[in-house]
N, C-alpha and C. Protein backbone atom coordinates (compact mmCIF):
# COMPACT_ATOMS: atom_id res chain seq x y z
N MET A 1 -3.48 6.82 -2.80
CA MET A 1 -4.46 7.72 -2.16
C MET A 1 -3.84 8.80 -1.26
N ASN A 2 -4.12 9.95 -1.36
CA ASN A 2 -3.52 10.72 -0.77
C ASN A 2 -4.54 11.20 0.35
N LEU A 3 -4.62 10.82 1.64
CA LEU A 3 -5.21 11.21 2.59
C LEU A 3 -5.05 12.49 3.59
N TRP A 4 -4.10 13.14 2.85
CA TRP A 4 -3.43 14.22 3.73
C TRP A 4 -4.51 15.54 3.61
N THR A 5 -4.87 15.77 5.10
CA THR A 5 -5.94 16.78 4.99
C THR A 5 -5.54 18.05 5.58
N GLY A 6 -4.27 18.35 5.70
CA GLY A 6 -3.45 19.42 6.68
C GLY A 6 -3.90 19.18 8.03
N THR A 7 -4.32 18.24 8.48
CA THR A 7 -4.40 18.11 10.01
C THR A 7 -3.16 16.86 10.20
N ALA A 8 -2.35 16.84 11.20
CA ALA A 8 -1.79 15.85 11.23
C ALA A 8 -1.24 15.48 12.47
N MET A 9 -0.87 14.05 12.70
CA MET A 9 -0.34 13.42 14.08
C MET A 9 0.95 13.47 13.69
N GLU A 10 1.67 13.92 14.88
CA GLU A 10 3.14 13.85 14.91
C GLU A 10 3.58 12.39 15.40
N THR A 11 4.41 11.89 14.85
CA THR A 11 5.07 10.59 15.21
C THR A 11 6.35 10.51 14.84
N SER A 12 6.86 9.66 15.77
CA SER A 12 8.42 9.75 15.75
C SER A 12 8.90 8.17 15.38
N LEU A 13 9.88 8.00 14.42
CA LEU A 13 10.30 6.32 14.58
C LEU A 13 11.94 6.59 14.40
N ARG A 14 12.26 5.49 14.78
CA ARG A 14 13.82 5.36 14.65
C ARG A 14 14.09 4.42 13.44
N LEU A 15 15.30 5.02 12.56
CA LEU A 15 15.52 4.18 11.48
C LEU A 15 16.86 3.84 11.83
N ASP A 16 17.56 2.34 11.09
CA ASP A 16 18.99 2.14 11.46
C ASP A 16 19.90 3.37 10.40
N PRO A 17 20.79 3.14 10.66
CA PRO A 17 21.86 3.95 10.08
C PRO A 17 21.90 4.12 8.65
N GLN A 18 21.69 2.75 7.86
CA GLN A 18 21.60 2.34 6.68
C GLN A 18 20.14 2.92 5.87
N THR A 19 19.22 2.75 6.30
CA THR A 19 17.89 3.15 6.08
C THR A 19 17.78 4.84 6.00
N GLU A 20 18.35 5.27 7.20
CA GLU A 20 18.33 6.63 7.23
C GLU A 20 19.39 7.47 6.00
N LYS A 21 20.40 6.82 5.82
CA LYS A 21 21.28 7.07 4.76
C LYS A 21 20.42 7.04 3.46
N ARG A 22 20.10 6.11 3.18
CA ARG A 22 19.47 5.82 1.98
C ARG A 22 18.23 6.81 1.69
N LEU A 23 17.43 7.03 2.96
CA LEU A 23 16.29 8.02 2.79
C LEU A 23 16.74 9.25 2.56
N GLU A 24 17.85 9.75 3.05
CA GLU A 24 18.60 11.16 3.00
C GLU A 24 18.96 11.22 1.49
N GLN A 25 19.61 10.46 0.98
CA GLN A 25 20.14 10.17 -0.37
C GLN A 25 19.05 10.40 -1.25
N LEU A 26 18.18 9.76 -1.23
CA LEU A 26 16.96 9.99 -2.09
C LEU A 26 16.31 11.09 -1.90
N ALA A 27 15.93 11.50 -0.85
CA ALA A 27 15.49 12.72 -0.71
C ALA A 27 16.31 14.25 -1.26
N ARG A 28 17.40 14.30 -1.15
CA ARG A 28 18.25 15.05 -1.66
C ARG A 28 18.05 14.59 -3.25
N SER A 29 18.67 13.74 -3.65
CA SER A 29 18.73 13.66 -5.09
C SER A 29 17.32 13.92 -5.92
N THR A 30 16.26 13.78 -5.30
CA THR A 30 15.10 14.13 -5.87
C THR A 30 14.21 15.21 -5.64
N GLY A 31 14.90 16.06 -4.57
CA GLY A 31 13.99 17.31 -4.21
C GLY A 31 12.93 17.44 -3.61
N ARG A 32 12.74 15.90 -2.89
CA ARG A 32 11.58 15.97 -2.17
C ARG A 32 12.01 15.73 -0.27
N THR A 33 11.01 15.77 0.47
CA THR A 33 11.77 15.66 1.63
C THR A 33 11.39 14.42 2.30
N LYS A 34 12.20 13.95 3.44
CA LYS A 34 12.17 12.57 3.96
C LYS A 34 10.55 12.21 4.56
N THR A 35 10.31 13.34 4.94
CA THR A 35 8.58 13.35 5.37
C THR A 35 7.68 12.91 4.16
N TRP A 36 8.01 13.34 3.25
CA TRP A 36 7.25 12.65 1.84
C TRP A 36 7.31 11.42 1.64
N PHE A 37 8.56 10.96 1.50
CA PHE A 37 8.85 9.56 1.20
C PHE A 37 8.13 8.58 2.52
N ILE A 38 8.43 8.86 3.49
CA ILE A 38 7.86 7.82 4.59
C ILE A 38 6.19 8.03 4.65
N ARG A 39 5.75 9.48 4.46
CA ARG A 39 4.52 9.50 4.30
C ARG A 39 3.79 8.55 3.28
N ARG A 40 4.39 8.71 2.16
CA ARG A 40 3.79 7.87 0.74
C ARG A 40 4.22 6.17 1.20
N ALA A 41 5.29 6.14 1.96
CA ALA A 41 5.73 4.67 1.96
C ALA A 41 4.77 4.00 2.70
N ILE A 42 4.17 4.75 3.88
CA ILE A 42 2.92 4.28 5.03
C ILE A 42 1.77 3.99 4.17
N GLU A 43 1.22 5.17 3.32
CA GLU A 43 0.10 5.38 2.65
C GLU A 43 -0.01 3.84 1.77
N GLU A 44 0.97 3.71 1.09
CA GLU A 44 1.07 2.72 0.27
C GLU A 44 0.92 1.07 0.80
N TYR A 45 1.84 1.15 1.88
CA TYR A 45 1.64 -0.21 2.72
C TYR A 45 0.55 -0.42 3.09
N LEU A 46 -0.23 0.75 3.68
CA LEU A 46 -1.61 0.26 4.37
C LEU A 46 -2.32 0.10 3.08
N ASP A 47 -2.52 0.70 2.31
CA ASP A 47 -3.49 0.61 1.10
C ASP A 47 -3.24 -1.34 0.55
N GLU A 48 -1.93 -1.62 0.47
CA GLU A 48 -1.79 -2.94 0.11
C GLU A 48 -2.41 -4.02 1.02
N TRP A 49 -1.89 -3.68 2.61
CA TRP A 49 -2.58 -4.50 3.66
C TRP A 49 -4.43 -4.43 3.39
N GLU A 50 -4.66 -3.37 3.34
CA GLU A 50 -6.28 -3.21 3.57
C GLU A 50 -6.71 -4.07 2.17
N ASP A 51 -6.28 -3.87 0.97
CA ASP A 51 -6.75 -4.74 0.00
C ASP A 51 -6.45 -6.45 0.46
N TYR A 52 -5.50 -6.84 0.63
CA TYR A 52 -4.94 -7.96 1.23
C TYR A 52 -6.09 -8.59 2.13
N HIS A 53 -6.42 -7.60 3.34
CA HIS A 53 -7.42 -8.23 4.08
C HIS A 53 -8.88 -8.32 3.68
N VAL A 54 -9.23 -7.47 2.90
CA VAL A 54 -10.42 -7.49 1.99
C VAL A 54 -10.69 -8.86 1.36
N ALA A 55 -9.46 -9.10 0.54
CA ALA A 55 -9.60 -10.18 -0.05
C ALA A 55 -9.62 -11.66 0.75
N LEU A 56 -8.65 -11.56 1.75
CA LEU A 56 -8.79 -12.72 2.77
C LEU A 56 -9.99 -12.78 3.17
N THR A 57 -10.90 -11.86 3.61
CA THR A 57 -12.21 -11.95 4.11
C THR A 57 -13.41 -12.52 3.36
N ARG A 58 -12.99 -12.05 1.88
CA ARG A 58 -13.89 -12.61 0.96
C ARG A 58 -13.94 -13.99 0.93
N LEU A 59 -12.73 -14.38 0.86
CA LEU A 59 -12.24 -15.65 0.61
C LEU A 59 -12.71 -16.54 1.86
N GLU A 60 -12.50 -16.32 2.86
CA GLU A 60 -13.01 -17.12 4.12
C GLU A 60 -14.69 -17.28 4.30
N GLN A 61 -15.08 -16.03 3.49
CA GLN A 61 -16.61 -16.18 3.61
C GLN A 61 -17.56 -17.03 2.54
N GLU A 62 -16.36 -17.24 1.29
CA GLU A 62 -16.88 -17.71 0.11
C GLU A 62 -16.99 -19.23 0.55
N LYS A 63 -18.27 -19.77 0.45
CA LYS A 63 -18.50 -21.22 0.72
C LYS A 63 -18.38 -22.15 -0.41
N ASP A 64 -18.89 -21.44 -1.61
CA ASP A 64 -18.79 -22.64 -2.86
C ASP A 64 -17.83 -22.36 -3.59
N GLU A 65 -17.43 -23.43 -4.37
CA GLU A 65 -16.22 -23.08 -5.09
C GLU A 65 -16.85 -22.39 -6.60
N VAL A 66 -16.00 -21.72 -7.13
CA VAL A 66 -16.39 -21.08 -8.21
C VAL A 66 -15.73 -21.75 -9.60
N ASP A 67 -16.48 -22.16 -10.60
CA ASP A 67 -15.94 -22.86 -11.69
C ASP A 67 -15.38 -21.92 -12.63
N ILE A 68 -14.01 -22.44 -12.88
CA ILE A 68 -13.15 -21.56 -13.96
C ILE A 68 -13.97 -20.78 -15.29
N ALA A 69 -14.89 -21.57 -15.69
CA ALA A 69 -15.49 -21.12 -16.68
C ALA A 69 -16.52 -19.86 -16.59
N ASP A 70 -16.97 -19.91 -15.42
CA ASP A 70 -17.70 -18.91 -14.90
C ASP A 70 -16.65 -17.60 -14.73
N VAL A 71 -15.72 -17.85 -14.21
CA VAL A 71 -14.82 -16.72 -13.95
C VAL A 71 -14.41 -15.77 -15.42
N ARG A 72 -14.12 -16.67 -16.26
CA ARG A 72 -13.90 -16.41 -17.68
C ARG A 72 -14.55 -15.76 -18.44
N ARG A 73 -15.87 -16.18 -18.25
CA ARG A 73 -16.99 -15.42 -18.84
C ARG A 73 -17.23 -14.14 -17.93
N TRP A 74 -17.23 -14.23 -16.82
CA TRP A 74 -17.30 -12.68 -15.70
C TRP A 74 -16.33 -11.89 -16.27
N LEU A 75 -15.04 -12.37 -16.54
CA LEU A 75 -13.92 -11.48 -16.98
C LEU A 75 -14.16 -10.95 -18.45
N GLY A 76 -14.83 -11.47 -19.13
CA GLY A 76 -14.72 -11.55 -20.45
C GLY A 76 -13.71 -11.87 -21.35
N PRO A 77 -13.51 -11.64 -22.87
CA PRO A 77 -12.75 -12.03 -23.63
C PRO A 77 -10.77 -11.39 -23.36
N GLU A 78 -11.14 -10.50 -22.85
CA GLU A 78 -9.68 -10.24 -22.41
C GLU A 78 -9.06 -10.39 -21.09
N GLY A 79 -10.06 -10.89 -20.24
CA GLY A 79 -9.74 -11.29 -19.17
C GLY A 79 -8.64 -12.67 -18.80
């Protein structure tokens, strides 16, 4: 999901030399900017952690066990 709206907050970060070199090489070879890769990596990382947090919260709130037969029925024949 791309949340880029045209307004941005400037942020700086320090990368170790090896990571900086890898990022520079990837940007050069793909024609994209280092900023594009950094922004994309952060967005994807946050998406994953938000999903994880939602799943963990739901598991913690679940009081009753769910029968595997019910899960299979909910998912249908291809689940």
